[in-house]
Amino acid sequence: MAVGRVVPVWLVELAVRVEVVAIIVLAGLEGAGGVSWGSVRRSGGLVLRSVVAAVVGGGVAGLLGSLVTGMGVGASLMFTWGMGWYSLAGPYAAARFGAGVGLAVFLANMVREQLTYLLVPLVGRPYVGLLCLGGATTMDNTLPAFVSVYGEEAAVDSLVNGAVMTVLAPLLLSLAALLG
């Protein structure tokens, strides 16, 4: 709190941005050795199964969640179609459906990431299901868990899976918002 009183907000924001960029660059350099167009193509089928499972499974879970809770379909889909990207899904849901839904969506997607950390080393299989659970976080936050359990070859699968889900999450959240 004392630092917050004397350090300007713009400086903290700058420090956080520099830190995030540094982490991304270092993670990219670490995993770059095993990445080639061939390895990305080989990951394609696996990632496609993971993404389809996440989108379809999330859609079904969102619809069932709406029926069980009485919550609107769009709000319910925010929980599952956030793809684990809690810093996007939570605020987006809050802007569209209110602070309570936003907080719940934020926490649900954060728990999704934490479950990935827990379940990847604990159960190990099904690999596609765990990539699906990791969602957008597989290209950054949970990438080390996949590499430590499955080996260096899992880095490409994780990176491609996370990148695809990162692109899809805003589109799916926008669709959920339209469904209201």
N, C-alpha and C. Protein backbone atom coordinates (compact mmCIF):
# COMPACT_ATOMS: atom_id res chain seq x y z
N MET A 1 0.82 -1.18 0.00
CA MET A 1 0.00 0.00 0.00
C MET A 1 0.87 1.25 0.00
N ALA A 2 1.99 1.18 0.72
CA ALA A 2 2.86 2.35 0.78
C ALA A 2 3.44 2.65 -0.59
N VAL A 3 3.83 1.60 -1.32
CA VAL A 3 4.36 1.80 -2.67
C VAL A 3 3.29 2.40 -3.56
N GLY A 4 2.06 1.95 -3.41
CA GLY A 4 0.95 2.47 -4.21
C GLY A 4 0.70 3.95 -3.97
N ARG A 5 1.07 4.42 -2.83
CA ARG A 5 0.89 5.84 -2.52
C ARG A 5 1.96 6.72 -3.19
N VAL A 6 3.16 6.16 -3.42
CA VAL A 6 4.25 6.99 -3.94
C VAL A 6 4.59 6.71 -5.40
N VAL A 7 4.25 5.54 -5.89
CA VAL A 7 4.57 5.19 -7.29
C VAL A 7 3.37 5.53 -8.16
N PRO A 8 3.58 6.32 -9.21
CA PRO A 8 2.46 6.68 -10.09
C PRO A 8 1.89 5.45 -10.81
N VAL A 9 0.59 5.46 -11.03
CA VAL A 9 -0.10 4.35 -11.69
C VAL A 9 0.50 4.07 -13.05
N TRP A 10 0.82 5.10 -13.82
CA TRP A 10 1.36 4.90 -15.17
C TRP A 10 2.67 4.11 -15.12
N LEU A 11 3.45 4.29 -14.05
CA LEU A 11 4.72 3.57 -13.94
C LEU A 11 4.47 2.09 -13.64
N VAL A 12 3.49 1.80 -12.81
CA VAL A 12 3.13 0.41 -12.51
C VAL A 12 2.61 -0.27 -13.78
N GLU A 13 1.74 0.43 -14.53
CA GLU A 13 1.23 -0.13 -15.78
C GLU A 13 2.35 -0.42 -16.76
N LEU A 14 3.31 0.49 -16.86
CA LEU A 14 4.46 0.29 -17.74
C LEU A 14 5.28 -0.92 -17.30
N ALA A 15 5.52 -1.03 -16.00
CA ALA A 15 6.30 -2.16 -15.49
C ALA A 15 5.61 -3.48 -15.78
N VAL A 16 4.29 -3.53 -15.63
CA VAL A 16 3.53 -4.76 -15.90
C VAL A 16 3.62 -5.10 -17.39
N ARG A 17 3.46 -4.11 -18.25
CA ARG A 17 3.56 -4.37 -19.70
C ARG A 17 4.93 -4.89 -20.08
N VAL A 18 5.98 -4.29 -19.53
CA VAL A 18 7.34 -4.73 -19.84
C VAL A 18 7.53 -6.16 -19.35
N GLU A 19 7.02 -6.47 -18.16
CA GLU A 19 7.14 -7.82 -17.63
C GLU A 19 6.42 -8.85 -18.51
N VAL A 20 5.21 -8.53 -18.94
CA VAL A 20 4.45 -9.45 -19.79
C VAL A 20 5.17 -9.68 -21.11
N VAL A 21 5.65 -8.62 -21.73
CA VAL A 21 6.38 -8.77 -22.99
C VAL A 21 7.64 -9.60 -22.78
N ALA A 22 8.35 -9.37 -21.69
CA ALA A 22 9.56 -10.15 -21.41
C ALA A 22 9.25 -11.63 -21.24
N ILE A 23 8.17 -11.94 -20.54
CA ILE A 23 7.78 -13.33 -20.35
C ILE A 23 7.43 -13.98 -21.68
N ILE A 24 6.69 -13.26 -22.51
CA ILE A 24 6.31 -13.80 -23.82
C ILE A 24 7.55 -14.05 -24.68
N VAL A 25 8.47 -13.10 -24.69
CA VAL A 25 9.69 -13.24 -25.49
C VAL A 25 10.52 -14.41 -24.97
N LEU A 26 10.71 -14.50 -23.67
CA LEU A 26 11.51 -15.59 -23.10
C LEU A 26 10.86 -16.95 -23.35
N ALA A 27 9.54 -17.04 -23.20
CA ALA A 27 8.85 -18.30 -23.48
C ALA A 27 8.98 -18.66 -24.95
N GLY A 28 8.89 -17.67 -25.82
CA GLY A 28 9.05 -17.92 -27.25
C GLY A 28 10.44 -18.41 -27.59
N LEU A 29 11.44 -17.80 -27.00
CA LEU A 29 12.82 -18.23 -27.25
C LEU A 29 13.05 -19.64 -26.73
N GLU A 30 12.47 -19.95 -25.58
CA GLU A 30 12.63 -21.27 -24.98
C GLU A 30 12.01 -22.36 -25.86
N GLY A 31 10.83 -22.10 -26.39
CA GLY A 31 10.13 -23.12 -27.17
C GLY A 31 10.40 -23.09 -28.65
N ALA A 32 11.11 -22.07 -29.13
CA ALA A 32 11.29 -21.89 -30.56
C ALA A 32 12.09 -23.01 -31.21
N GLY A 33 12.96 -23.65 -30.48
CA GLY A 33 13.80 -24.69 -31.07
C GLY A 33 13.01 -25.85 -31.65
N GLY A 34 11.89 -26.20 -31.03
CA GLY A 34 11.11 -27.33 -31.49
C GLY A 34 9.97 -26.96 -32.43
N VAL A 35 9.85 -25.68 -32.77
CA VAL A 35 8.74 -25.24 -33.60
C VAL A 35 9.17 -25.12 -35.06
N SER A 36 8.45 -25.79 -35.92
CA SER A 36 8.66 -25.69 -37.36
C SER A 36 7.28 -25.80 -38.01
N TRP A 37 7.20 -25.46 -39.28
CA TRP A 37 5.91 -25.58 -39.97
C TRP A 37 5.44 -27.02 -39.96
N GLY A 38 6.37 -27.95 -40.06
CA GLY A 38 6.00 -29.37 -40.02
C GLY A 38 5.39 -29.76 -38.69
N SER A 39 5.98 -29.28 -37.61
CA SER A 39 5.45 -29.61 -36.28
C SER A 39 4.10 -28.96 -36.05
N VAL A 40 3.90 -27.76 -36.59
CA VAL A 40 2.60 -27.10 -36.48
C VAL A 40 1.56 -27.87 -37.26
N ARG A 41 1.91 -28.32 -38.47
CA ARG A 41 0.97 -29.13 -39.27
C ARG A 41 0.62 -30.43 -38.57
N ARG A 42 1.61 -31.08 -37.95
CA ARG A 42 1.35 -32.34 -37.24
C ARG A 42 0.40 -32.11 -36.06
N SER A 43 0.46 -30.94 -35.45
CA SER A 43 -0.42 -30.62 -34.32
C SER A 43 -1.85 -30.33 -34.76
N GLY A 44 -2.03 -30.06 -36.03
CA GLY A 44 -3.32 -29.59 -36.54
C GLY A 44 -4.51 -30.45 -36.17
N GLY A 45 -4.44 -31.75 -36.39
CA GLY A 45 -5.57 -32.64 -36.10
C GLY A 45 -5.89 -32.69 -34.62
N LEU A 46 -4.86 -32.76 -33.82
CA LEU A 46 -5.02 -32.79 -32.38
C LEU A 46 -5.66 -31.50 -31.87
N VAL A 47 -5.15 -30.38 -32.35
CA VAL A 47 -5.68 -29.08 -31.94
C VAL A 47 -7.11 -28.91 -32.44
N LEU A 48 -7.39 -29.36 -33.65
CA LEU A 48 -8.75 -29.26 -34.17
C LEU A 48 -9.73 -30.01 -33.27
N ARG A 49 -9.35 -31.21 -32.83
CA ARG A 49 -10.22 -31.97 -31.91
C ARG A 49 -10.42 -31.22 -30.60
N SER A 50 -9.34 -30.64 -30.09
CA SER A 50 -9.43 -29.89 -28.83
C SER A 50 -10.33 -28.67 -28.97
N VAL A 51 -10.17 -27.93 -30.04
CA VAL A 51 -10.96 -26.72 -30.25
C VAL A 51 -12.44 -27.06 -30.46
N VAL A 52 -12.71 -28.07 -31.28
CA VAL A 52 -14.10 -28.48 -31.52
C VAL A 52 -14.73 -28.94 -30.20
N ALA A 53 -13.99 -29.71 -29.42
CA ALA A 53 -14.52 -30.17 -28.13
C ALA A 53 -14.80 -28.98 -27.21
N ALA A 54 -13.93 -27.99 -27.21
CA ALA A 54 -14.12 -26.81 -26.35
C ALA A 54 -15.33 -25.99 -26.78
N VAL A 55 -15.47 -25.78 -28.07
CA VAL A 55 -16.57 -24.95 -28.57
C VAL A 55 -17.90 -25.68 -28.43
N VAL A 56 -17.95 -26.92 -28.91
CA VAL A 56 -19.21 -27.68 -28.85
C VAL A 56 -19.55 -28.04 -27.40
N GLY A 57 -18.57 -28.57 -26.69
CA GLY A 57 -18.81 -28.92 -25.28
C GLY A 57 -19.19 -27.71 -24.45
N GLY A 58 -18.50 -26.60 -24.69
CA GLY A 58 -18.84 -25.37 -23.98
C GLY A 58 -20.22 -24.88 -24.33
N GLY A 59 -20.60 -25.02 -25.60
CA GLY A 59 -21.95 -24.62 -26.01
C GLY A 59 -23.01 -25.45 -25.33
N VAL A 60 -22.81 -26.76 -25.31
CA VAL A 60 -23.78 -27.66 -24.66
C VAL A 60 -23.84 -27.37 -23.16
N ALA A 61 -22.67 -27.22 -22.52
CA ALA A 61 -22.64 -26.93 -21.09
C ALA A 61 -23.30 -25.58 -20.79
N GLY A 62 -23.07 -24.59 -21.65
CA GLY A 62 -23.69 -23.29 -21.46
C GLY A 62 -25.21 -23.36 -21.57
N LEU A 63 -25.69 -24.12 -22.56
CA LEU A 63 -27.14 -24.28 -22.72
C LEU A 63 -27.76 -25.02 -21.53
N LEU A 64 -27.09 -26.09 -21.10
CA LEU A 64 -27.59 -26.83 -19.93
C LEU A 64 -27.53 -25.96 -18.68
N GLY A 65 -26.46 -25.19 -18.54
CA GLY A 65 -26.34 -24.29 -17.41
C GLY A 65 -27.47 -23.27 -17.38
N SER A 66 -27.84 -22.80 -18.54
CA SER A 66 -28.95 -21.85 -18.63
C SER A 66 -30.26 -22.50 -18.19
N LEU A 67 -30.49 -23.72 -18.62
CA LEU A 67 -31.71 -24.44 -18.23
C LEU A 67 -31.76 -24.71 -16.73
N VAL A 68 -30.64 -25.13 -16.18
CA VAL A 68 -30.59 -25.50 -14.76
C VAL A 68 -30.69 -24.28 -13.85
N THR A 69 -30.02 -23.20 -14.22
CA THR A 69 -29.96 -22.03 -13.33
C THR A 69 -31.01 -20.98 -13.62
N GLY A 70 -31.60 -21.02 -14.81
CA GLY A 70 -32.54 -19.99 -15.20
C GLY A 70 -31.86 -18.73 -15.71
N MET A 71 -30.55 -18.77 -15.78
CA MET A 71 -29.78 -17.64 -16.30
C MET A 71 -29.96 -17.58 -17.81
N GLY A 72 -29.87 -16.41 -18.38
CA GLY A 72 -29.98 -16.28 -19.82
C GLY A 72 -28.91 -17.08 -20.54
N VAL A 73 -29.22 -17.52 -21.74
CA VAL A 73 -28.29 -18.35 -22.52
C VAL A 73 -26.96 -17.62 -22.74
N GLY A 74 -27.02 -16.37 -23.12
CA GLY A 74 -25.79 -15.62 -23.39
C GLY A 74 -24.89 -15.52 -22.18
N ALA A 75 -25.48 -15.19 -21.03
CA ALA A 75 -24.69 -15.09 -19.80
C ALA A 75 -24.09 -16.44 -19.43
N SER A 76 -24.87 -17.49 -19.59
CA SER A 76 -24.38 -18.83 -19.27
C SER A 76 -23.24 -19.26 -20.18
N LEU A 77 -23.33 -18.89 -21.46
CA LEU A 77 -22.25 -19.24 -22.39
C LEU A 77 -20.96 -18.49 -22.09
N MET A 78 -21.06 -17.34 -21.44
CA MET A 78 -19.85 -16.59 -21.08
C MET A 78 -18.92 -17.44 -20.20
N PHE A 79 -19.51 -18.28 -19.35
CA PHE A 79 -18.72 -19.11 -18.46
C PHE A 79 -17.85 -20.10 -19.23
N THR A 80 -18.41 -20.69 -20.26
CA THR A 80 -17.72 -21.77 -20.96
C THR A 80 -16.95 -21.28 -22.19
N TRP A 81 -17.43 -20.27 -22.85
CA TRP A 81 -16.77 -19.79 -24.06
C TRP A 81 -15.68 -18.75 -23.79
N GLY A 82 -15.39 -18.51 -22.52
CA GLY A 82 -14.26 -17.64 -22.19
C GLY A 82 -12.93 -18.32 -22.48
N MET A 83 -12.95 -19.64 -22.68
CA MET A 83 -11.78 -20.44 -23.01
C MET A 83 -10.63 -20.28 -22.00
N GLY A 84 -10.99 -20.00 -20.75
CA GLY A 84 -9.98 -19.84 -19.73
C GLY A 84 -9.33 -18.47 -19.69
N TRP A 85 -9.71 -17.59 -20.59
CA TRP A 85 -9.13 -16.25 -20.66
C TRP A 85 -9.91 -15.34 -19.72
N TYR A 86 -9.63 -15.49 -18.43
CA TYR A 86 -10.42 -14.81 -17.41
C TYR A 86 -10.30 -13.30 -17.46
N SER A 87 -9.14 -12.78 -17.85
CA SER A 87 -8.97 -11.33 -17.89
C SER A 87 -9.76 -10.69 -19.03
N LEU A 88 -10.22 -11.46 -19.98
CA LEU A 88 -11.12 -10.97 -21.03
C LEU A 88 -12.57 -11.32 -20.69
N ALA A 89 -12.82 -12.58 -20.39
CA ALA A 89 -14.19 -13.06 -20.20
C ALA A 89 -14.90 -12.37 -19.04
N GLY A 90 -14.22 -12.22 -17.93
CA GLY A 90 -14.84 -11.61 -16.76
C GLY A 90 -15.28 -10.16 -17.00
N PRO A 91 -14.36 -9.30 -17.42
CA PRO A 91 -14.76 -7.91 -17.68
C PRO A 91 -15.79 -7.79 -18.81
N TYR A 92 -15.67 -8.61 -19.84
CA TYR A 92 -16.64 -8.56 -20.94
C TYR A 92 -18.03 -8.94 -20.43
N ALA A 93 -18.09 -10.01 -19.63
CA ALA A 93 -19.37 -10.44 -19.08
C ALA A 93 -19.93 -9.37 -18.13
N ALA A 94 -19.07 -8.72 -17.37
CA ALA A 94 -19.52 -7.67 -16.46
C ALA A 94 -20.12 -6.50 -17.23
N ALA A 95 -19.48 -6.14 -18.33
CA ALA A 95 -19.98 -5.02 -19.15
C ALA A 95 -21.33 -5.36 -19.77
N ARG A 96 -21.53 -6.60 -20.12
CA ARG A 96 -22.76 -7.01 -20.81
C ARG A 96 -23.88 -7.42 -19.85
N PHE A 97 -23.51 -8.14 -18.76
CA PHE A 97 -24.53 -8.74 -17.91
C PHE A 97 -24.46 -8.30 -16.44
N GLY A 98 -23.57 -7.40 -16.10
CA GLY A 98 -23.48 -6.90 -14.74
C GLY A 98 -22.30 -7.46 -13.98
N ALA A 99 -21.98 -6.75 -12.89
CA ALA A 99 -20.78 -7.08 -12.11
C ALA A 99 -20.83 -8.48 -11.51
N GLY A 100 -22.00 -8.92 -11.05
CA GLY A 100 -22.10 -10.25 -10.44
C GLY A 100 -21.77 -11.36 -11.42
N VAL A 101 -22.34 -11.29 -12.61
CA VAL A 101 -22.04 -12.29 -13.64
C VAL A 101 -20.58 -12.18 -14.06
N GLY A 102 -20.09 -10.96 -14.20
CA GLY A 102 -18.69 -10.76 -14.58
C GLY A 102 -17.74 -11.39 -13.59
N LEU A 103 -17.98 -11.19 -12.31
CA LEU A 103 -17.12 -11.79 -11.29
C LEU A 103 -17.18 -13.31 -11.34
N ALA A 104 -18.38 -13.85 -11.48
CA ALA A 104 -18.54 -15.31 -11.54
C ALA A 104 -17.85 -15.89 -12.77
N VAL A 105 -17.97 -15.22 -13.91
CA VAL A 105 -17.30 -15.69 -15.14
C VAL A 105 -15.79 -15.60 -14.97
N PHE A 106 -15.32 -14.51 -14.40
CA PHE A 106 -13.88 -14.36 -14.12
C PHE A 106 -13.39 -15.53 -13.28
N LEU A 107 -14.08 -15.80 -12.17
CA LEU A 107 -13.65 -16.87 -11.27
C LEU A 107 -13.74 -18.25 -11.92
N ALA A 108 -14.80 -18.48 -12.69
CA ALA A 108 -14.96 -19.78 -13.35
C ALA A 108 -13.81 -20.03 -14.33
N ASN A 109 -13.43 -19.01 -15.08
CA ASN A 109 -12.35 -19.18 -16.04
C ASN A 109 -10.99 -19.26 -15.34
N MET A 110 -10.86 -18.59 -14.21
CA MET A 110 -9.62 -18.70 -13.43
C MET A 110 -9.50 -20.12 -12.84
N VAL A 111 -10.62 -20.66 -12.36
CA VAL A 111 -10.62 -22.03 -11.84
C VAL A 111 -10.26 -23.01 -12.95
N ARG A 112 -10.72 -22.74 -14.17
CA ARG A 112 -10.38 -23.60 -15.31
C ARG A 112 -8.87 -23.69 -15.48
N GLU A 113 -8.19 -22.56 -15.38
CA GLU A 113 -6.73 -22.55 -15.48
C GLU A 113 -6.10 -23.33 -14.33
N GLN A 114 -6.60 -23.12 -13.11
CA GLN A 114 -6.04 -23.79 -11.95
C GLN A 114 -6.28 -25.31 -12.02
N LEU A 115 -7.44 -25.71 -12.52
CA LEU A 115 -7.69 -27.15 -12.72
C LEU A 115 -6.73 -27.75 -13.73
N THR A 116 -6.36 -26.98 -14.73
CA THR A 116 -5.39 -27.46 -15.72
C THR A 116 -4.06 -27.73 -15.04
N TYR A 117 -3.60 -26.78 -14.20
CA TYR A 117 -2.36 -27.00 -13.46
C TYR A 117 -2.42 -28.25 -12.60
N LEU A 118 -3.57 -28.50 -12.01
CA LEU A 118 -3.74 -29.64 -11.12
C LEU A 118 -3.88 -30.96 -11.87
N LEU A 119 -4.72 -30.97 -12.91
CA LEU A 119 -5.07 -32.23 -13.56
C LEU A 119 -4.04 -32.73 -14.56
N VAL A 120 -3.31 -31.84 -15.22
CA VAL A 120 -2.32 -32.31 -16.20
C VAL A 120 -1.32 -33.25 -15.55
N PRO A 121 -0.66 -32.88 -14.46
CA PRO A 121 0.27 -33.83 -13.86
C PRO A 121 -0.40 -34.96 -13.08
N LEU A 122 -1.61 -34.71 -12.59
CA LEU A 122 -2.29 -35.70 -11.76
C LEU A 122 -2.88 -36.84 -12.57
N VAL A 123 -3.60 -36.52 -13.66
CA VAL A 123 -4.26 -37.58 -14.43
C VAL A 123 -3.59 -37.84 -15.77
N GLY A 124 -3.02 -36.82 -16.39
CA GLY A 124 -2.23 -37.01 -17.61
C GLY A 124 -3.00 -37.35 -18.88
N ARG A 125 -4.15 -37.94 -18.78
CA ARG A 125 -4.94 -38.32 -19.95
C ARG A 125 -6.39 -38.01 -19.68
N PRO A 126 -7.20 -37.71 -20.64
CA PRO A 126 -6.92 -37.65 -22.07
C PRO A 126 -6.23 -36.34 -22.45
N TYR A 127 -5.21 -36.46 -23.24
CA TYR A 127 -4.39 -35.32 -23.64
C TYR A 127 -5.23 -34.24 -24.32
N VAL A 128 -6.06 -34.63 -25.28
CA VAL A 128 -6.89 -33.65 -25.99
C VAL A 128 -7.85 -32.97 -25.01
N GLY A 129 -8.41 -33.73 -24.10
CA GLY A 129 -9.32 -33.15 -23.12
C GLY A 129 -8.62 -32.15 -22.22
N LEU A 130 -7.39 -32.42 -21.86
CA LEU A 130 -6.65 -31.48 -21.01
C LEU A 130 -6.23 -30.24 -21.78
N LEU A 131 -5.90 -30.40 -23.07
CA LEU A 131 -5.65 -29.21 -23.90
C LEU A 131 -6.92 -28.38 -23.99
N CYS A 132 -8.05 -29.04 -24.16
CA CYS A 132 -9.34 -28.37 -24.22
C CYS A 132 -9.60 -27.61 -22.92
N LEU A 133 -9.36 -28.24 -21.79
CA LEU A 133 -9.55 -27.60 -20.49
C LEU A 133 -8.63 -26.39 -20.35
N GLY A 134 -7.39 -26.52 -20.76
CA GLY A 134 -6.43 -25.42 -20.65
C GLY A 134 -6.82 -24.23 -21.50
N GLY A 135 -7.50 -24.48 -22.61
CA GLY A 135 -7.98 -23.40 -23.47
C GLY A 135 -6.89 -22.45 -23.91
N ALA A 136 -7.19 -21.16 -23.85
CA ALA A 136 -6.26 -20.13 -24.31
C ALA A 136 -4.99 -20.10 -23.48
N THR A 137 -5.04 -20.60 -22.25
CA THR A 137 -3.87 -20.54 -21.37
C THR A 137 -2.77 -21.51 -21.76
N THR A 138 -3.06 -22.45 -22.66
CA THR A 138 -2.04 -23.44 -23.01
C THR A 138 -0.87 -22.83 -23.76
N MET A 139 -1.03 -21.64 -24.31
CA MET A 139 0.08 -21.03 -25.02
C MET A 139 0.95 -20.16 -24.12
N ASP A 140 0.51 -19.95 -22.88
CA ASP A 140 1.32 -19.12 -21.99
C ASP A 140 1.35 -19.68 -20.58
N ASN A 141 0.35 -19.43 -19.79
CA ASN A 141 0.40 -19.78 -18.37
C ASN A 141 0.56 -21.26 -18.08
N THR A 142 -0.24 -22.11 -18.75
CA THR A 142 -0.17 -23.55 -18.44
C THR A 142 0.78 -24.32 -19.36
N LEU A 143 1.43 -23.63 -20.28
CA LEU A 143 2.39 -24.27 -21.18
C LEU A 143 3.45 -25.08 -20.42
N PRO A 144 4.03 -24.53 -19.36
CA PRO A 144 5.05 -25.33 -18.64
C PRO A 144 4.51 -26.64 -18.07
N ALA A 145 3.25 -26.68 -17.66
CA ALA A 145 2.67 -27.92 -17.14
C ALA A 145 2.61 -28.98 -18.23
N PHE A 146 2.20 -28.58 -19.43
CA PHE A 146 2.12 -29.54 -20.54
C PHE A 146 3.51 -30.04 -20.94
N VAL A 147 4.47 -29.14 -21.00
CA VAL A 147 5.83 -29.53 -21.39
C VAL A 147 6.45 -30.43 -20.33
N SER A 148 6.22 -30.12 -19.06
CA SER A 148 6.84 -30.94 -18.01
C SER A 148 6.26 -32.34 -17.95
N VAL A 149 4.98 -32.50 -18.30
CA VAL A 149 4.35 -33.82 -18.23
C VAL A 149 4.53 -34.60 -19.53
N TYR A 150 4.36 -33.92 -20.68
CA TYR A 150 4.34 -34.62 -21.96
C TYR A 150 5.63 -34.49 -22.76
N GLY A 151 6.55 -33.63 -22.33
CA GLY A 151 7.81 -33.46 -23.04
C GLY A 151 7.78 -32.28 -23.99
N GLU A 152 8.94 -32.00 -24.57
CA GLU A 152 9.12 -30.84 -25.44
C GLU A 152 8.17 -30.82 -26.64
N GLU A 153 7.81 -32.02 -27.15
CA GLU A 153 6.93 -32.06 -28.31
C GLU A 153 5.54 -31.50 -28.01
N ALA A 154 5.16 -31.45 -26.75
CA ALA A 154 3.86 -30.89 -26.37
C ALA A 154 3.85 -29.37 -26.47
N ALA A 155 5.01 -28.75 -26.56
CA ALA A 155 5.07 -27.28 -26.64
C ALA A 155 4.34 -26.78 -27.89
N VAL A 156 4.54 -27.43 -29.00
CA VAL A 156 3.89 -26.98 -30.24
C VAL A 156 2.38 -27.17 -30.14
N ASP A 157 1.95 -28.33 -29.66
CA ASP A 157 0.51 -28.56 -29.49
C ASP A 157 -0.10 -27.49 -28.60
N SER A 158 0.55 -27.20 -27.50
CA SER A 158 0.05 -26.23 -26.54
C SER A 158 0.02 -24.83 -27.13
N LEU A 159 1.09 -24.45 -27.81
CA LEU A 159 1.16 -23.11 -28.40
C LEU A 159 0.07 -22.91 -29.46
N VAL A 160 -0.08 -23.89 -30.35
CA VAL A 160 -1.07 -23.77 -31.42
C VAL A 160 -2.48 -23.79 -30.83
N ASN A 161 -2.74 -24.70 -29.89
CA ASN A 161 -4.05 -24.78 -29.24
C ASN A 161 -4.40 -23.45 -28.58
N GLY A 162 -3.48 -22.92 -27.81
CA GLY A 162 -3.73 -21.66 -27.12
C GLY A 162 -3.95 -20.50 -28.07
N ALA A 163 -3.16 -20.47 -29.14
CA ALA A 163 -3.32 -19.37 -30.11
C ALA A 163 -4.69 -19.43 -30.79
N VAL A 164 -5.12 -20.61 -31.18
CA VAL A 164 -6.42 -20.75 -31.84
C VAL A 164 -7.54 -20.37 -30.87
N MET A 165 -7.46 -20.84 -29.64
CA MET A 165 -8.51 -20.52 -28.68
C MET A 165 -8.49 -19.04 -28.28
N THR A 166 -7.31 -18.44 -28.30
CA THR A 166 -7.22 -17.00 -28.02
C THR A 166 -7.90 -16.19 -29.10
N VAL A 167 -7.80 -16.63 -30.34
CA VAL A 167 -8.49 -15.94 -31.44
C VAL A 167 -10.00 -16.18 -31.35
N LEU A 168 -10.40 -17.39 -30.98
CA LEU A 168 -11.83 -17.72 -30.93
C LEU A 168 -12.57 -17.10 -29.76
N ALA A 169 -11.91 -16.95 -28.62
CA ALA A 169 -12.60 -16.49 -27.41
C ALA A 169 -13.36 -15.18 -27.60
N PRO A 170 -12.75 -14.12 -28.16
CA PRO A 170 -13.52 -12.89 -28.33
C PRO A 170 -14.71 -13.06 -29.29
N LEU A 171 -14.54 -13.89 -30.30
CA LEU A 171 -15.64 -14.13 -31.24
C LEU A 171 -16.78 -14.87 -30.55
N LEU A 172 -16.45 -15.88 -29.78
CA LEU A 172 -17.48 -16.66 -29.08
C LEU A 172 -18.16 -15.83 -28.00
N LEU A 173 -17.39 -15.03 -27.28
CA LEU A 173 -17.98 -14.17 -26.25
C LEU A 173 -18.92 -13.15 -26.88
N SER A 174 -18.54 -12.64 -28.05
CA SER A 174 -19.42 -11.70 -28.77
C SER A 174 -20.71 -12.39 -29.20
N LEU A 175 -20.60 -13.62 -29.67
CA LEU A 175 -21.79 -14.39 -30.03
C LEU A 175 -22.67 -14.63 -28.80
N ALA A 176 -22.05 -14.98 -27.69
CA ALA A 176 -22.81 -15.17 -26.45
C ALA A 176 -23.54 -13.90 -26.06
N ALA A 177 -22.87 -12.76 -26.19
CA ALA A 177 -23.50 -11.47 -25.86
C ALA A 177 -24.70 -11.20 -26.75
N LEU A 178 -24.58 -11.56 -28.03
CA LEU A 178 -25.70 -11.37 -28.96
C LEU A 178 -26.90 -12.25 -28.58
N LEU A 179 -26.59 -13.43 -28.05
CA LEU A 179 -27.67 -14.35 -27.64
C LEU A 179 -28.35 -13.88 -26.36
N GLY A 180 -27.71 -12.92 -25.69
CA GLY A 180 -28.28 -12.27 -24.51
C GLY A 180 -28.64 -13.22 -23.46
